[in-house]
PDB file of N, CA and C in Angstrom:
ATOM      1  N   MET A   1       1.016  -1.122   0.018  1.00  0.00           N
ATOM      2  CA  MET A   1       0.114   0.303   0.139  1.00  0.00           C
ATOM      3  C   MET A   1       0.829   1.095  -0.113  1.00  0.00           C
ATOM      4  N   PRO A   2       0.497   2.075  -0.821  1.00  0.00           N
ATOM      5  CA  PRO A   2       0.998   3.639  -0.494  1.00  0.00           C
ATOM      6  C   PRO A   2       0.773   4.267   0.664  1.00  0.00           C
ATOM      7  N   PRO A   3       1.969   5.155   0.717  1.00  0.00           N
ATOM      8  CA  PRO A   3       1.364   5.518   2.467  1.00  0.00           C
ATOM      9  C   PRO A   3       0.863   6.639   2.498  1.00  0.00           C
ATOM     10  N   LYS A   4      -0.097   7.191   1.559  1.00  0.00           N
ATOM     11  CA  LYS A   4      -1.259   8.047   1.343  1.00  0.00           C
ATOM     12  C   LYS A   4      -2.154   7.287   1.965  1.00  0.00           C
ATOM     13  N   ASP A   5      -2.608   5.650   1.351  1.00  0.00           N
ATOM     14  CA  ASP A   5      -3.653   5.223   1.822  1.00  0.00           C
ATOM     15  C   ASP A   5      -3.637   4.759   3.444  1.00  0.00           C
ATOM     16  N   ASP A   6      -2.244   4.381   3.658  1.00  0.00           N
ATOM     17  CA  ASP A   6      -2.666   4.242   4.944  1.00  0.00           C
ATOM     18  C   ASP A   6      -2.714   5.103   5.727  1.00  0.00           C
ATOM     19  N   ALA A   7      -2.001   6.502   5.671  1.00  0.00           N
ATOM     20  CA  ALA A   7      -2.648   7.568   6.396  1.00  0.00           C
ATOM     21  C   ALA A   7      -4.239   8.049   6.411  1.00  0.00           C
ATOM     22  N   ASP A   8      -4.702   7.808   5.134  1.00  0.00           N
ATOM     23  CA  ASP A   8      -6.400   7.788   5.126  1.00  0.00           C
ATOM     24  C   ASP A   8      -7.027   6.640   5.849  1.00  0.00           C
ATOM     25  N   ARG A   9      -6.330   5.554   5.961  1.00  0.00           N
ATOM     26  CA  ARG A   9      -7.083   4.471   6.746  1.00  0.00           C
ATOM     27  C   ARG A   9      -6.829   4.969   8.552  1.00  0.00           C
ATOM     28  N   PHE A  10      -5.814   5.372   8.668  1.00  0.00           N
ATOM     29  CA  PHE A  10      -5.320   5.790   9.985  1.00  0.00           C
ATOM     30  C   PHE A  10      -6.327   7.093  10.642  1.00  0.00           C
ATOM     31  N   ALA A  11      -6.664   8.005   9.360  1.00  0.00           N
ATOM     32  CA  ALA A  11      -7.526   8.775   9.604  1.00  0.00           C
ATOM     33  C   ALA A  11      -8.692   8.467   9.968  1.00  0.00           C
ATOM     34  N   ARG A  12      -9.168   7.834   9.112  1.00  0.00           N
ATOM     35  CA  ARG A  12     -10.763   7.433   9.610  1.00  0.00           C
ATOM     36  C   ARG A  12     -10.643   6.366  10.670  1.00  0.00           C
ATOM     37  N   ILE A  13      -9.771   5.574  11.529  1.00  0.00           N
ATOM     38  CA  ILE A  13      -9.549   4.890  12.227  1.00  0.00           C
ATOM     39  C   ILE A  13      -9.839   5.832  13.630  1.00  0.00           C
ATOM     40  N   ARG A  14      -8.897   7.046  13.623  1.00  0.00           N
ATOM     41  CA  ARG A  14      -8.797   7.973  14.554  1.00  0.00           C
ATOM     42  C   ARG A  14     -10.506   8.602  14.791  1.00  0.00           C
ATOM     43  N   ASP A  15     -10.967   8.810  13.507  1.00  0.00           N
ATOM     44  CA  ASP A  15     -12.179   9.823  13.729  1.00  0.00           C
ATOM     45  C   ASP A  15     -13.313   8.964  14.273  1.00  0.00           C
ATOM     46  N   LYS A  16     -13.441   7.298  13.908  1.00  0.00           N
ATOM     47  CA  LYS A  16     -13.881   6.459  14.398  1.00  0.00           C
ATOM     48  C   LYS A  16     -14.068   6.561  16.275  1.00  0.00           C
ATOM     49  N   GLN A  17     -12.585   6.274  16.653  1.00  0.00           N
ATOM     50  CA  GLN A  17     -12.310   5.982  17.837  1.00  0.00           C
ATOM     51  C   GLN A  17     -12.615   7.535  18.718  1.00  0.00           C
ATOM     52  N   ILE A  18     -12.669   8.682  18.196  1.00  0.00           N
ATOM     53  CA  ILE A  18     -13.171  10.069  18.626  1.00  0.00           C
ATOM     54  C   ILE A  18     -14.482   9.987  18.863  1.00  0.00           C
ATOM     55  N   ALA A  19     -15.277   9.666  17.787  1.00  0.00           N
ATOM     56  CA  ALA A  19     -16.783   9.532  17.837  1.00  0.00           C
ATOM     57  C   ALA A  19     -17.508   8.743  18.796  1.00  0.00           C
ATOM     58  N   ALA A  20     -16.788   7.525  19.179  1.00  0.00           N
ATOM     59  CA  ALA A  20     -17.111   6.453  19.753  1.00  0.00           C
ATOM     60  C   ALA A  20     -17.012   7.056  21.425  1.00  0.00           C
ATOM     61  N   ARG A  21     -16.119   8.109  21.960  1.00  0.00           N
ATOM     62  CA  ARG A  21     -15.862   8.442  23.053  1.00  0.00           C
ATOM     63  C   ARG A  21     -16.349  10.028  23.420  1.00  0.00           C
ATOM     64  N   ASP A  22     -17.329  10.259  22.337  1.00  0.00           N
ATOM     65  CA  ASP A  22     -18.080  11.831  22.132  1.00  0.00           C
ATOM     66  C   ASP A  22     -19.094  11.589  23.266  1.00  0.00           C
ATOM     67  N   PRO A  23     -18.932  12.476  24.376  1.00  0.00           N
ATOM     68  CA  PRO A  23     -19.604  12.394  25.374  1.00  0.00           C
ATOM     69  C   PRO A  23     -20.933  13.048  25.413  1.00  0.00           C
ATOM     70  N   MET A  24     -20.993  13.607  24.210  1.00  0.00           N
ATOM     71  CA  MET A  24     -22.213  14.550  23.767  1.00  0.00           C
ATOM     72  C   MET A  24     -23.466  13.045  23.576  1.00  0.00           C
ATOM     73  N   VAL A  25     -22.676  12.174  22.906  1.00  0.00           N
ATOM     74  CA  VAL A  25     -23.553  11.243  22.618  1.00  0.00           C
ATOM     75  C   VAL A  25     -24.596  10.929  23.400  1.00  0.00           C
ATOM     76  N   LYS A  26     -24.047  10.755  24.795  1.00  0.00           N
ATOM     77  CA  LYS A  26     -24.990  10.222  25.878  1.00  0.00           C
ATOM     78  C   LYS A  26     -26.083  11.537  26.389  1.00  0.00           C
ATOM     79  N   VAL A  27     -25.438  12.589  26.471  1.00  0.00           N
ATOM     80  CA  VAL A  27     -26.156  13.912  26.553  1.00  0.00           C
ATOM     81  C   VAL A  27     -27.637  13.896  25.837  1.00  0.00           C
ATOM     82  N   ARG A  28     -27.000  13.975  24.215  1.00  0.00           N
ATOM     83  CA  ARG A  28     -28.194  14.116  23.167  1.00  0.00           C
ATOM     84  C   ARG A  28     -28.899  12.640  23.435  1.00  0.00           C
ATOM     85  N   LYS A  29     -29.040  11.839  23.879  1.00  0.00           N
ATOM     86  CA  LYS A  29     -29.606  10.593  23.885  1.00  0.00           C
ATOM     87  C   LYS A  29     -30.839  10.709  24.989  1.00  0.00           C
ATOM     88  N   LEU A  30     -29.937  11.221  26.041  1.00  0.00           N
ATOM     89  CA  LEU A  30     -30.724  11.537  27.506  1.00  0.00           C
ATOM     90  C   LEU A  30     -31.637  12.997  26.907  1.00  0.00           C
ATOM     91  N   ASP A  31     -31.646  13.742  26.290  1.00  0.00           N
ATOM     92  CA  ASP A  31     -32.131  15.023  25.816  1.00  0.00           C
ATOM     93  C   ASP A  31     -33.314  14.451  25.337  1.00  0.00           C
ATOM     94  N   HIS A  32     -32.967  13.492  24.271  1.00  0.00           N
ATOM     95  CA  HIS A  32     -34.141  13.096  23.199  1.00  0.00           C
ATOM     96  C   HIS A  32     -35.157  12.350  24.167  1.00  0.00           C
ATOM     97  N   THR A  33     -34.784  11.253  24.582  1.00  0.00           N
ATOM     98  CA  THR A  33     -35.666  10.242  25.824  1.00  0.00           C
ATOM     99  C   THR A  33     -36.586  11.528  26.668  1.00  0.00           C
ATOM    100  N   VAL A  34     -36.002  12.436  27.202  1.00  0.00           N
ATOM    101  CA  VAL A  34     -36.732  13.604  28.237  1.00  0.00           C
ATOM    102  C   VAL A  34     -37.455  14.279  27.262  1.00  0.00           C
ATOM    103  N   SER A  35     -37.194  14.753  26.096  1.00  0.00           N
ATOM    104  CA  SER A  35     -38.147  15.399  25.622  1.00  0.00           C
ATOM    105  C   SER A  35     -39.359  14.671  25.181  1.00  0.00           C
ATOM    106  N   VAL A  36     -39.099  13.001  24.770  1.00  0.00           N
ATOM    107  CA  VAL A  36     -40.260  12.414  23.930  1.00  0.00           C
ATOM    108  C   VAL A  36     -40.965  12.327  25.097  1.00  0.00           C
ATOM    109  N   LYS A  37     -40.980  11.859  26.242  1.00  0.00           N
ATOM    110  CA  LYS A  37     -41.364  11.865  27.910  1.00  0.00           C
ATOM    111  C   LYS A  37     -42.308  12.938  28.218  1.00  0.00           C
ATOM    112  N   HIS A  38     -41.260  14.135  28.223  1.00  0.00           N
ATOM    113  CA  HIS A  38     -42.189  15.407  28.113  1.00  0.00           C
ATOM    114  C   HIS A  38     -43.242  15.331  27.207  1.00  0.00           C
ATOM    115  N   ARG A  39     -43.085  15.224  25.999  1.00  0.00           N
ATOM    116  CA  ARG A  39     -44.518  15.473  24.886  1.00  0.00           C
ATOM    117  C   ARG A  39     -45.552  14.713  25.339  1.00  0.00           C
ATOM    118  N   ARG A  40     -45.234  13.481  25.289  1.00  0.00           N
ATOM    119  CA  ARG A  40     -46.433  12.418  26.027  1.00  0.00           C
ATOM    120  C   ARG A  40     -46.939  12.745  27.092  1.00  0.00           C
ATOM    121  N   HIS A  41     -46.455  13.554  28.007  1.00  0.00           N
ATOM    122  CA  HIS A  41     -46.905  13.744  28.957  1.00  0.00           C
ATOM    123  C   HIS A  41     -48.049  15.066  28.757  1.00  0.00           C
ATOM    124  N   ARG A  42     -47.700  15.952  28.119  1.00  0.00           N
ATOM    125  CA  ARG A  42     -48.515  16.933  27.461  1.00  0.00           C
ATOM    126  C   ARG A  42     -49.339  16.756  27.045  1.00  0.00           C
ATOM    127  N   THR A  43     -50.086  15.632  26.194  1.00  0.00           N
ATOM    128  CA  THR A  43     -50.682  15.422  25.511  1.00  0.00           C
ATOM    129  C   THR A  43     -52.313  15.041  26.103  1.00  0.00           C
ATOM    130  N   ALA A  44     -53.426  15.647  25.649  1.00  0.00           N
ATOM    131  CA  ALA A  44     -54.720  15.622  26.783  1.00  0.00           C
ATOM    132  C   ALA A  44     -55.215  14.445  26.728  1.00  0.00           C
ATOM    133  N   PHE A  45     -55.848  14.367  28.315  1.00  0.00           N
ATOM    134  CA  PHE A  45     -56.280  13.011  28.102  1.00  0.00           C
ATOM    135  C   PHE A  45     -57.638  12.887  27.525  1.00  0.00           C
ATOM    136  N   SER A  46     -57.755  11.107  27.161  1.00  0.00           N
ATOM    137  CA  SER A  46     -58.532  11.156  26.231  1.00  0.00           C
ATOM    138  C   SER A  46     -59.251   9.879  26.744  1.00  0.00           C
ATOM    139  N   PRO A  47     -60.240   9.839  26.940  1.00  0.00           N
ATOM    140  CA  PRO A  47     -61.123   8.434  27.672  1.00  0.00           C
ATOM    141  C   PRO A  47     -61.161   7.339  26.294  1.00  0.00           C
ATOM    142  N   VAL A  48     -61.138   7.715  25.210  1.00  0.00           N
ATOM    143  CA  VAL A  48     -61.025   6.988  24.102  1.00  0.00           C
ATOM    144  C   VAL A  48     -59.651   5.999  23.771  1.00  0.00           C
ATOM    145  N   ARG A  49     -58.775   7.130  24.129  1.00  0.00           N
ATOM    146  CA  ARG A  49     -57.696   6.476  24.043  1.00  0.00           C
ATOM    147  C   ARG A  49     -57.392   5.524  25.350  1.00  0.00           C
ATOM    148  N   MET A  50     -57.553   5.936  26.125  1.00  0.00           N
ATOM    149  CA  MET A  50     -57.332   5.218  27.470  1.00  0.00           C
ATOM    150  C   MET A  50     -58.173   3.824  27.212  1.00  0.00           C
ATOM    151  N   TRP A  51     -59.485   3.850  26.494  1.00  0.00           N
ATOM    152  CA  TRP A  51     -60.612   2.705  26.363  1.00  0.00           C
ATOM    153  C   TRP A  51     -59.632   1.675  25.331  1.00  0.00           C
ATOM    154  N   LEU A  52     -59.037   2.486  24.544  1.00  0.00           N
ATOM    155  CA  LEU A  52     -58.367   1.612  23.329  1.00  0.00           C
ATOM    156  C   LEU A  52     -57.145   1.030  24.101  1.00  0.00           C
ATOM    157  N   ASP A  53     -56.373   1.392  25.053  1.00  0.00           N
ATOM    158  CA  ASP A  53     -55.123   1.101  25.548  1.00  0.00           C
ATOM    159  C   ASP A  53     -55.472  -0.240  26.796  1.00  0.00           C
ATOM    160  N   ILE A  54     -56.499  -0.358  26.942  1.00  0.00           N
ATOM    161  CA  ILE A  54     -56.793  -1.530  27.682  1.00  0.00           C
ATOM    162  C   ILE A  54     -57.260  -2.696  26.665  1.00  0.00           C
ATOM    163  N   PRO A  55     -56.373  -3.874  27.387  1.00  0.00           N
ATOM    164  CA  PRO A  55     -56.395  -5.254  26.654  1.00  0.00           C
ATOM    165  C   PRO A  55     -57.343  -5.690  26.161  1.00  0.00           C
ATOM    166  N   LYS A  56     -57.871  -6.403  24.654  1.00  0.00           N
ATOM    167  CA  LYS A  56     -59.254  -6.796  24.349  1.00  0.00           C
ATOM    168  C   LYS A  56     -60.067  -7.602  24.944  1.00  0.00           C
ATOM    169  N   VAL A  57     -59.109  -8.189  26.448  1.00  0.00           N
ATOM    170  CA  VAL A  57     -59.748  -9.708  26.883  1.00  0.00           C
ATOM    171  C   VAL A  57     -60.526  -8.832  27.804  1.00  0.00           C
ATOM    172  N   TRP A  58     -59.871  -7.684  28.799  1.00  0.00           N
ATOM    173  CA  TRP A  58     -60.662  -6.669  29.569  1.00  0.00           C
ATOM    174  C   TRP A  58     -61.832  -6.339  28.944  1.00  0.00           C
ATOM    175  N   ARG A  59     -61.801  -5.676  28.031  1.00  0.00           N
ATOM    176  CA  ARG A  59     -62.925  -4.637  27.176  1.00  0.00           C
ATOM    177  C   ARG A  59     -63.941  -6.026  26.708  1.00  0.00           C
ATOM    178  N   GLY A  60     -63.748  -6.984  26.303  1.00  0.00           N
ATOM    179  CA  GLY A  60     -64.530  -7.776  25.769  1.00  0.00           C
ATOM    180  C   GLY A  60     -65.695  -8.611  27.389  1.00  0.00           C
ATOM    181  N   THR A  61     -64.902  -8.868  28.221  1.00  0.00           N
ATOM    182  CA  THR A  61     -65.328  -9.133  29.494  1.00  0.00           C
ATOM    183  C   THR A  61     -66.239  -8.072  29.988  1.00  0.00           C
ATOM    184  N   MET A  62     -65.591  -6.725  30.090  1.00  0.00           N
ATOM    185  CA  MET A  62     -66.385  -5.675  30.352  1.00  0.00           C
ATOM    186  C   MET A  62     -67.856  -5.440  29.463  1.00  0.00           C
ATOM    187  N   ILE A  63     -68.026  -5.307  28.032  1.00  0.00           N
ATOM    188  CA  ILE A  63     -68.740  -5.275  27.375  1.00  0.00           C
ATOM    189  C   ILE A  63     -69.979  -6.404  27.545  1.00  0.00           C
ATOM    190  N   GLY A  64     -69.546  -7.966  27.755  1.00  0.00           N
ATOM    191  CA  GLY A  64     -69.911  -8.967  28.011  1.00  0.00           C
ATOM    192  C   GLY A  64     -70.699  -8.698  29.387  1.00  0.00           C
ATOM    193  N   GLY A  65     -70.061  -8.352  30.193  1.00  0.00           N
ATOM    194  CA  GLY A  65     -70.845  -8.057  31.660  1.00  0.00           C
ATOM    195  C   GLY A  65     -72.008  -6.898  31.611  1.00  0.00           C
ATOM    196  N   LEU A  66     -71.379  -6.009  31.150  1.00  0.00           N
ATOM    197  CA  LEU A  66     -72.710  -5.059  30.841  1.00  0.00           C
ATOM    198  C   LEU A  66     -73.835  -5.588  29.765  1.00  0.00           C
ATOM    199  N   LEU A  67     -73.632  -6.007  28.737  1.00  0.00           N
ATOM    200  CA  LEU A  67     -74.741  -6.834  28.462  1.00  0.00           C
ATOM    201  C   LEU A  67     -75.674  -7.845  28.881  1.00  0.00           C
ATOM    202  N   GLY A  68     -74.764  -8.592  29.356  1.00  0.00           N
ATOM    203  CA  GLY A  68     -75.221  -9.441  30.638  1.00  0.00           C
ATOM    204  C   GLY A  68     -76.304  -8.871  31.333  1.00  0.00           C
ATOM    205  N   LEU A  69     -75.568  -7.772  32.255  1.00  0.00           N
ATOM    206  CA  LEU A  69     -76.412  -6.954  33.247  1.00  0.00           C
ATOM    207  C   LEU A  69     -77.552  -6.620  32.492  1.00  0.00           C
ATOM    208  N   VAL A  70     -77.844  -6.232  31.446  1.00  0.00           N
ATOM    209  CA  VAL A  70     -79.057  -5.645  30.709  1.00  0.00           C
ATOM    210  C   VAL A  70     -79.861  -6.427  30.517  1.00  0.00           C
ATOM    211  N   VAL A  71     -79.268  -8.134  30.167  1.00  0.00           N
ATOM    212  CA  VAL A  71     -80.506  -9.113  29.804  1.00  0.00           C
ATOM    213  C   VAL A  71     -80.859  -9.719  31.251  1.00  0.00           C
ATOM    214  N   MET A  72     -80.004  -9.261  32.337  1.00  0.00           N
ATOM    215  CA  MET A  72     -80.473 -10.125  33.721  1.00  0.00           C
ATOM    216  C   MET A  72     -81.687  -8.881  34.452  1.00  0.00           C
ATOM    217  N   LEU A  73     -81.548  -7.605  33.651  1.00  0.00           N
ATOM    218  CA  LEU A  73     -82.820  -6.802  34.288  1.00  0.00           C
ATOM    219  C   LEU A  73     -83.981  -7.116  33.510  1.00  0.00           C
ATOM    220  N   ILE A  74     -83.939  -7.445  32.542  1.00  0.00           N
ATOM    221  CA  ILE A  74     -84.876  -7.719  31.031  1.00  0.00           C
ATOM    222  C   ILE A  74     -85.366  -8.913  31.665  1.00  0.00           C
ATOM    223  N   VAL A  75     -84.926  -9.774  31.359  1.00  0.00           N
ATOM    224  CA  VAL A  75     -85.728 -11.203  31.259  1.00  0.00           C
ATOM    225  C   VAL A  75     -86.824 -11.419  32.515  1.00  0.00           C
ATOM    226  N   PRO A  76     -86.217 -11.044  33.741  1.00  0.00           N
ATOM    227  CA  PRO A  76     -87.325 -11.319  34.749  1.00  0.00           C
ATOM    228  C   PRO A  76     -88.803 -10.970  34.448  1.00  0.00           C
ATOM    229  N   THR A  77     -88.924  -9.664  33.700  1.00  0.00           N
ATOM    230  CA  THR A  77     -90.066  -8.965  33.343  1.00  0.00           C
ATOM    231  C   THR A  77     -91.104  -9.850  32.460  1.00  0.00           C
ATOM    232  N   PHE A  78     -89.900 -10.595  31.423  1.00  0.00           N
ATOM    233  CA  PHE A  78     -90.939 -11.507  30.520  1.00  0.00           C
ATOM    234  C   PHE A  78     -90.950 -13.306  30.954  1.00  0.00           C
ATOM    235  N   VAL A  79     -90.297 -13.383  31.850  1.00  0.00           N
ATOM    236  CA  VAL A  79     -90.421 -14.801  32.266  1.00  0.00           C
ATOM    237  C   VAL A  79     -90.554 -14.586  33.876  1.00  0.00           C
ATOM    238  N   PRO A  80     -91.775 -15.206  34.393  1.00  0.00           N
ATOM    239  CA  PRO A  80     -92.206 -14.790  35.962  1.00  0.00           C
ATOM    240  C   PRO A  80     -91.383 -16.044  36.718  1.00  0.00           C
ATOM    241  N   GLY A  81     -91.766 -15.450  38.207  1.00  0.00           N
ATOM    242  CA  GLY A  81     -91.155 -16.418  38.804  1.00  0.00           C
ATOM    243  C   GLY A  81     -89.175 -16.354  38.984  1.00  0.00           C
ATOM    244  N   ASP A  82     -88.985 -17.629  39.878  1.00  0.00           N
ATOM    245  CA  ASP A  82     -87.451 -17.474  39.859  1.00  0.00           C
ATOM    246  C   ASP A  82     -86.547 -18.072  38.218  1.00  0.00           C
ATOM    247  N   TRP A  83     -87.437 -18.702  37.601  1.00  0.00           N
ATOM    248  CA  TRP A  83     -86.754 -18.654  36.137  1.00  0.00           C
ATOM    249  C   TRP A  83     -86.053 -17.707  35.530  1.00  0.00           C
ATOM    250  N   GLY A  84     -86.992 -16.740  35.821  1.00  0.00           N
ATOM    251  CA  GLY A  84     -86.373 -15.293  35.040  1.00  0.00           C
ATOM    252  C   GLY A  84     -85.224 -14.860  35.747  1.00  0.00           C
ATOM    253  N   THR A  85     -84.878 -14.762  37.147  1.00  0.00           N
ATOM    254  CA  THR A  85     -83.660 -14.600  37.663  1.00  0.00           C
ATOM    255  C   THR A  85     -82.498 -15.694  37.301  1.00  0.00           C
ATOM    256  N   LEU A  86     -82.969 -16.907  37.296  1.00  0.00           N
ATOM    257  CA  LEU A  86     -81.984 -17.933  36.922  1.00  0.00           C
ATOM    258  C   LEU A  86     -81.529 -17.588  35.424  1.00  0.00           C
ATOM    259  N   GLY A  87     -82.502 -17.378  34.670  1.00  0.00           N
ATOM    260  CA  GLY A  87     -82.304 -17.340  33.416  1.00  0.00           C
ATOM    261  C   GLY A  87     -81.199 -15.944  32.968  1.00  0.00           C
ATOM    262  N   GLY A  88     -81.612 -14.868  33.734  1.00  0.00           N
ATOM    263  CA  GLY A  88     -80.810 -13.500  33.493  1.00  0.00           C
ATOM    264  C   GLY A  88     -79.482 -13.749  34.122  1.00  0.00           C
ATOM    265  N   LEU A  89     -79.287 -14.786  35.290  1.00  0.00           N
ATOM    266  CA  LEU A  89     -77.846 -15.014  35.892  1.00  0.00           C
ATOM    267  C   LEU A  89     -77.164 -15.519  34.780  1.00  0.00           C
ATOM    268  N   ALA A  90     -77.991 -16.903  34.022  1.00  0.00           N
ATOM    269  CA  ALA A  90     -77.047 -17.505  33.294  1.00  0.00           C
ATOM    270  C   ALA A  90     -76.890 -16.664  31.914  1.00  0.00           C
ATOM    271  N   ALA A  91     -77.556 -15.725  31.664  1.00  0.00           N
ATOM    272  CA  ALA A  91     -77.321 -15.154  30.444  1.00  0.00           C
ATOM    273  C   ALA A  91     -76.050 -14.178  30.886  1.00  0.00           C
ATOM    274  N   LEU A  92     -76.201 -13.379  32.077  1.00  0.00           N
ATOM    275  CA  LEU A  92     -74.925 -12.736  32.427  1.00  0.00           C
ATOM    276  C   LEU A  92     -73.449 -13.521  32.641  1.00  0.00           C
ATOM    277  N   GLY A  93     -73.604 -14.661  32.674  1.00  0.00           N
ATOM    278  CA  GLY A  93     -72.302 -15.477  33.034  1.00  0.00           C
ATOM    279  C   GLY A  93     -72.094 -15.881  31.586  1.00  0.00           C
ATOM    280  N   PHE A  94     -72.818 -16.207  30.849  1.00  0.00           N
ATOM    281  CA  PHE A  94     -72.700 -16.639  29.695  1.00  0.00           C
ATOM    282  C   PHE A  94     -71.937 -15.728  28.461  1.00  0.00           C
ATOM    283  N   LEU A  95     -72.560 -14.038  28.757  1.00  0.00           N
ATOM    284  CA  LEU A  95     -72.196 -13.088  28.083  1.00  0.00           C
ATOM    285  C   LEU A  95     -70.630 -12.383  28.613  1.00  0.00           C
ATOM    286  N   LEU A  96     -70.446 -12.935  29.892  1.00  0.00           N
ATOM    287  CA  LEU A  96     -69.169 -12.601  30.434  1.00  0.00           C
ATOM    288  C   LEU A  96     -67.899 -13.252  29.396  1.00  0.00           C
ATOM    289  N   LEU A  97     -68.418 -14.819  29.636  1.00  0.00           N
ATOM    290  CA  LEU A  97     -67.446 -15.949  28.952  1.00  0.00           C
ATOM    291  C   LEU A  97     -67.526 -15.625  27.651  1.00  0.00           C
ATOM    292  N   LEU A  98     -68.297 -15.304  27.183  1.00  0.00           N
ATOM    293  CA  LEU A  98     -68.437 -15.024  25.389  1.00  0.00           C
ATOM    294  C   LEU A  98     -67.509 -13.689  25.333  1.00  0.00           C
ATOM    295  N   GLY A  99     -67.510 -12.617  26.152  1.00  0.00           N
ATOM    296  CA  GLY A  99     -66.995 -11.695  26.111  1.00  0.00           C
ATOM    297  C   GLY A  99     -65.483 -11.752  26.225  1.00  0.00           C
ATOM    298  N   PHE A 100     -65.461 -12.496  27.000  1.00  0.00           N
ATOM    299  CA  PHE A 100     -63.850 -12.897  27.534  1.00  0.00           C
ATOM    300  C   PHE A 100     -62.951 -13.729  26.149  1.00  0.00           C
ATOM    301  N   SER A 101     -63.968 -14.620  25.899  1.00  0.00           N
ATOM    302  CA  SER A 101     -63.437 -15.559  25.227  1.00  0.00           C
ATOM    303  C   SER A 101     -62.992 -14.720  23.621  1.00  0.00           C
ATOM    304  N   LEU A 102     -63.998 -14.149  23.316  1.00  0.00           N
ATOM    305  CA  LEU A 102     -63.741 -13.272  22.093  1.00  0.00           C
ATOM    306  C   LEU A 102     -62.819 -11.950  22.159  1.00  0.00           C
ATOM    307  N   GLY A 103     -62.407 -11.439  23.222  1.00  0.00           N
ATOM    308  CA  GLY A 103     -61.660 -10.371  23.691  1.00  0.00           C
ATOM    309  C   GLY A 103     -60.172 -11.126  23.280  1.00  0.00           C
ATOM    310  N   ARG A 104     -60.072 -12.262  24.266  1.00  0.00           N
ATOM    311  CA  ARG A 104     -59.106 -13.146  23.959  1.00  0.00           C
ATOM    312  C   ARG A 104     -58.386 -13.635  22.788  1.00  0.00           C
ATOM    313  N   TYR A 105     -59.148 -13.968  21.813  1.00  0.00           N
ATOM    314  CA  TYR A 105     -59.099 -14.232  19.944  1.00  0.00           C
ATOM    315  C   TYR A 105     -58.585 -13.164  19.769  1.00  0.00           C
ATOM    316  N   GLN A 106     -59.081 -12.113  20.011  1.00  0.00           N
ATOM    317  CA  GLN A 106     -58.356 -10.580  19.625  1.00  0.00           C
ATOM    318  C   GLN A 106     -57.334 -10.468  19.439  1.00  0.00           C
ATOM    319  N   ASP A 107     -56.857 -10.475  20.907  1.00  0.00           N
ATOM    320  CA  ASP A 107     -55.697 -10.411  21.392  1.00  0.00           C
ATOM    321  C   ASP A 107     -54.554 -11.572  20.755  1.00  0.00           C
ATOM    322  N   SER A 108     -54.904 -12.733  20.734  1.00  0.00           N
ATOM    323  CA  SER A 108     -54.356 -13.438  20.215  1.00  0.00           C
ATOM    324  C   SER A 108     -53.748 -13.390  18.695  1.00  0.00           C
ATOM    325  N   ARG A 109     -54.976 -13.018  17.916  1.00  0.00           N
ATOM    326  CA  ARG A 109     -55.032 -12.522  16.597  1.00  0.00           C
ATOM    327  C   ARG A 109     -53.740 -11.451  16.032  1.00  0.00           C
ATOM    328  N   ASP A 110     -53.866 -10.434  17.267  1.00  0.00           N
ATOM    329  CA  ASP A 110     -53.046  -9.291  17.221  1.00  0.00           C
ATOM    330  C   ASP A 110     -51.771  -9.772  17.354  1.00  0.00           C
ATOM    331  N   GLU A 111     -51.237 -10.557  18.199  1.00  0.00           N
ATOM    332  CA  GLU A 111     -49.553 -10.813  18.567  1.00  0.00           C
ATOM    333  C   GLU A 111     -49.420 -11.646  17.549  1.00  0.00           C
ATOM    334  N   ILE A 112     -50.065 -12.546  17.099  1.00  0.00           N
ATOM    335  CA  ILE A 112     -49.805 -13.221  15.812  1.00  0.00           C
ATOM    336  C   ILE A 112     -49.469 -12.471  14.704  1.00  0.00           C
ATOM    337  N   LYS A 113     -50.234 -11.373  14.309  1.00  0.00           N
ATOM    338  CA  LYS A 113     -49.929 -10.485  13.419  1.00  0.00           C
ATOM    339  C   LYS A 113     -48.382  -9.752  13.713  1.00  0.00           C
ATOM    340  N   ASP A 114     -48.256  -9.568  15.088  1.00  0.00           N
ATOM    341  CA  ASP A 114     -47.128  -8.570  15.225  1.00  0.00           C
ATOM    342  C   ASP A 114     -46.011  -9.626  14.914  1.00  0.00           C
ATOM    343  N   LEU A 115     -46.069 -10.938  15.522  1.00  0.00           N
ATOM    344  CA  LEU A 115     -45.034 -11.756  15.162  1.00  0.00           C
ATOM    345  C   LEU A 115     -44.367 -12.193  14.123  1.00  0.00           C
ATOM    346  N   MET A 116     -45.727 -12.287  12.830  1.00  0.00           N
ATOM    347  CA  MET A 116     -45.195 -12.358  11.500  1.00  0.00           C
ATOM    348  C   MET A 116     -44.749 -11.107  10.594  1.00  0.00           C
ATOM    349  N   LYS A 117     -44.474 -10.057  11.645  1.00  0.00           N
ATOM    350  CA  LYS A 117     -44.363  -8.939  10.639  1.00  0.00           C
ATOM    351  C   LYS A 117     -42.852  -8.733  10.914  1.00  0.00           C
ATOM    352  N   HIS A 118     -42.305  -9.135  12.039  1.00  0.00           N
ATOM    353  CA  HIS A 118     -41.051  -9.377  12.361  1.00  0.00           C
ATOM    354  C   HIS A 118     -40.101 -10.529  12.107  1.00  0.00           C
TER     355      HIS A 118
END
């Protein structure tokens, strides 16, 4: 190799070593992290975003529970006696289980999609 190529190679190696020891890299990374967290905390509270952040298992269970509660309150008006109450309780349990199952299915499907992307 000619001496000029060695000088260029040594200059590149020296530049890489200096860049690796640059103390400002850590400071810039910390500043970026702080600014991202600050920006995230400054966003307004949104009930919709809060609802969407809840796992679908729990969202499905809550929706199933609310529907079951409505059915449990309505069924005794149409079916007289204790059978109406028992039917309402059975509907509540069934809808809770159905909501949980559908939510778990949706969460599993999303996890599989995420795994297939990577």
